[in-house]
């Protein structure tokens, strides 16, 4: 079974520089906890944009206020079909691993109060991009296997990694 996911890289600017939101994965049946980005499975016939907004709200309590690439969206509709096409930040596919999945990452901005725990997640918190880059170089295993490539891609786009 192929799983389709929508994941968020939520950014904010602070006096310390650019930060992104990470959370702790809370799925003990999957072998413990690791840091991850908010996001998850797209439900049947759910749009990618709706899925990423829903997942972020469920897991972090934040409401997405902007999604880079959302304005590129077009829909092709007929009486019995609707196909959405848009430009995400990045796309991924697992080519080996415990779950066969593919999905997209969106660069987002959000607002609201962070939850202490959400749907299968704990402790959403902000991390500077510099700290993220250091952790990815020194301890990449602290991140969920599904998000390592997405985080590396993000850092590469910012010419940090």
Protein backbone atom coordinates (compact mmCIF):
# COMPACT_ATOMS: atom_id res chain seq x y z
CA UNK A 1 0.00 0.00 0.00
CA UNK A 2 1.33 3.41 -0.98
CA UNK A 3 0.74 6.23 1.51
CA UNK A 4 0.47 9.84 0.33
CA UNK A 5 1.56 12.55 2.77
CA UNK A 6 1.47 16.33 3.07
CA UNK A 7 4.14 17.79 5.37
CA UNK A 8 4.89 21.34 6.55
CA UNK A 9 8.11 23.25 7.01
CA UNK A 10 6.78 26.10 9.13
CA UNK A 11 9.11 29.10 9.25
CA UNK A 12 9.22 32.25 11.34
CA UNK A 13 11.69 35.12 11.68
CA UNK A 14 12.92 36.07 15.15
CA UNK A 15 15.73 38.13 16.63
CA UNK A 16 17.74 34.88 16.69
CA UNK A 17 17.21 34.40 12.94
CA UNK A 18 15.04 32.06 10.95
CA UNK A 19 13.42 29.24 12.90
CA UNK A 20 11.39 26.20 11.91
CA UNK A 21 8.93 24.15 13.90
CA UNK A 22 9.87 20.63 14.96
CA UNK A 23 7.97 18.20 17.13
CA UNK A 24 8.62 14.88 18.82
CA UNK A 25 7.05 11.87 17.15
CA UNK A 26 5.00 9.95 19.74
CA UNK A 27 4.41 6.53 18.21
CA UNK A 28 5.99 4.00 20.60
CA UNK A 29 4.92 1.09 18.34
CA UNK A 30 7.29 2.52 15.71
CA UNK A 31 10.37 2.24 17.91
CA UNK A 32 10.55 5.32 20.06
CA UNK A 33 10.65 9.04 19.59
CA UNK A 34 12.42 11.25 17.10
CA UNK A 35 12.13 14.82 15.84
CA UNK A 36 9.91 15.39 12.85
CA UNK A 37 8.06 18.00 10.85
CA UNK A 38 4.29 18.31 11.19
CA UNK A 39 2.28 16.42 8.61
CA UNK A 40 0.78 13.12 7.72
CA UNK A 41 -1.47 11.12 5.44
CA UNK A 42 -3.76 12.70 2.93
CA UNK A 43 -7.28 11.36 3.31
CA UNK A 44 -9.18 9.98 0.32
CA UNK A 45 -10.01 12.80 -2.11
CA UNK A 46 -8.62 15.45 0.29
CA UNK A 47 -6.66 18.24 -1.37
CA UNK A 48 -2.97 18.53 -0.48
CA UNK A 49 -3.51 22.05 0.86
CA UNK A 50 -6.41 20.98 3.05
CA UNK A 51 -4.41 17.99 4.29
CA UNK A 52 -1.38 20.02 5.37
CA UNK A 53 -3.61 22.57 7.13
CA UNK A 54 -5.52 19.81 8.95
CA UNK A 55 -2.39 17.91 9.98
CA UNK A 56 -0.64 21.03 11.31
CA UNK A 57 -3.69 22.00 13.36
CA UNK A 58 -4.13 18.47 14.78
CA UNK A 59 -0.47 18.06 15.67
CA UNK A 60 0.60 21.54 16.76
CA UNK A 61 -2.50 23.66 17.38
CA UNK A 62 -1.27 26.22 14.83
CA UNK A 63 -3.35 27.58 11.98
CA UNK A 64 -1.49 27.92 8.69
CA UNK A 65 -1.70 31.50 7.41
CA UNK A 66 0.27 31.14 4.17
CA UNK A 67 1.63 28.35 2.00
CA UNK A 68 4.31 29.06 -0.59
CA UNK A 69 3.12 27.81 -3.97
CA UNK A 70 -0.59 27.85 -3.11
CA UNK A 71 -1.22 30.63 -5.62
CA UNK A 72 0.06 28.35 -8.41
CA UNK A 73 -2.89 25.97 -7.88
CA UNK A 74 -5.12 25.13 -10.81
CA UNK A 75 -8.05 22.74 -10.93
CA UNK A 76 -9.29 20.81 -13.92
CA UNK A 77 -12.93 19.95 -13.32
CA UNK A 78 -15.55 17.99 -15.17
CA UNK A 79 -18.98 16.92 -13.99
CA UNK A 80 -17.50 13.96 -12.11
CA UNK A 81 -13.79 14.78 -11.63
CA UNK A 82 -11.62 17.42 -10.02
CA UNK A 83 -7.84 17.30 -10.31
CA UNK A 84 -5.68 19.80 -8.45
CA UNK A 85 -2.17 20.73 -9.59
CA UNK A 86 0.17 23.04 -7.70
CA UNK A 87 3.82 23.70 -6.95
CA UNK A 88 4.98 22.46 -3.53
CA UNK A 89 8.39 23.23 -2.03
CA UNK A 90 9.58 19.66 -2.54
CA UNK A 91 8.34 16.15 -3.29
CA UNK A 92 9.66 12.90 -1.87
CA UNK A 93 9.33 9.17 -2.38
CA UNK A 94 10.63 6.39 -0.18
CA UNK A 95 12.62 3.90 -2.24
CA UNK A 96 13.36 1.65 0.74
CA UNK A 97 12.08 1.57 4.29
CA UNK A 98 9.33 0.39 6.60
CA UNK A 99 6.54 2.22 4.72
CA UNK A 100 6.05 2.82 1.01
CA UNK A 101 5.14 6.48 0.76
CA UNK A 102 5.39 9.60 -1.28
CA UNK A 103 4.41 13.11 -0.50
CA UNK A 104 5.07 16.80 -0.63
CA UNK A 105 6.60 19.42 1.63
CA UNK A 106 5.14 22.91 1.79
CA UNK A 107 6.89 26.02 3.14
CA UNK A 108 4.39 27.66 5.47
CA UNK A 109 3.77 30.42 7.96
CA UNK A 110 1.40 29.84 10.88
CA UNK A 111 -0.04 31.48 13.96
CA UNK A 112 -1.59 30.46 17.24
CA UNK A 113 -0.60 28.80 20.48
CA UNK A 114 1.40 25.59 20.41
CA UNK A 115 -0.07 22.47 21.98
CA UNK A 116 2.04 20.48 24.44
CA UNK A 117 0.94 17.32 22.65
CA UNK A 118 -1.09 16.65 19.55
CA UNK A 119 -2.15 13.70 17.43
CA UNK A 120 0.77 11.23 17.87
CA UNK A 121 3.11 14.15 18.69
CA UNK A 122 4.65 15.89 21.69
CA UNK A 123 6.43 19.14 22.41
CA UNK A 124 6.22 21.19 19.22
CA UNK A 125 8.99 23.77 19.46
CA UNK A 126 10.94 26.27 17.39
CA UNK A 127 14.56 25.58 16.40
CA UNK A 128 16.91 27.97 14.63
CA UNK A 129 17.97 26.91 11.16
CA UNK A 130 21.60 27.07 12.35
CA UNK A 131 20.81 24.59 15.15
CA UNK A 132 18.97 22.36 12.68
CA UNK A 133 22.00 22.36 10.37
CA UNK A 134 24.32 21.45 13.26
CA UNK A 135 22.08 18.59 14.37
CA UNK A 136 21.78 17.27 10.82
CA UNK A 137 25.58 17.16 10.54
CA UNK A 138 26.26 15.76 14.01
CA UNK A 139 23.21 13.64 14.85
CA UNK A 140 20.99 12.97 11.82
CA UNK A 141 19.52 9.92 13.60
CA UNK A 142 17.69 12.22 16.03
CA UNK A 143 15.25 12.99 13.16
CA UNK A 144 12.54 10.69 11.82
CA UNK A 145 13.68 8.70 8.82
CA UNK A 146 10.84 10.14 6.74
CA UNK A 147 11.92 13.78 7.26
CA UNK A 148 15.72 13.54 6.99
CA UNK A 149 15.77 14.01 3.21
CA UNK A 150 13.22 16.85 3.39
CA UNK A 151 15.27 18.67 6.01
CA UNK A 152 18.48 18.18 4.03
CA UNK A 153 16.73 19.51 0.93
CA UNK A 154 15.48 22.53 2.90
CA UNK A 155 18.97 23.29 4.22
CA UNK A 156 20.50 22.86 0.76
CA UNK A 157 18.03 25.36 -0.74
CA UNK A 158 19.12 27.91 1.88
CA UNK A 159 22.77 27.08 1.08
CA UNK A 160 23.28 26.22 4.77
CA UNK A 161 24.17 22.53 4.38
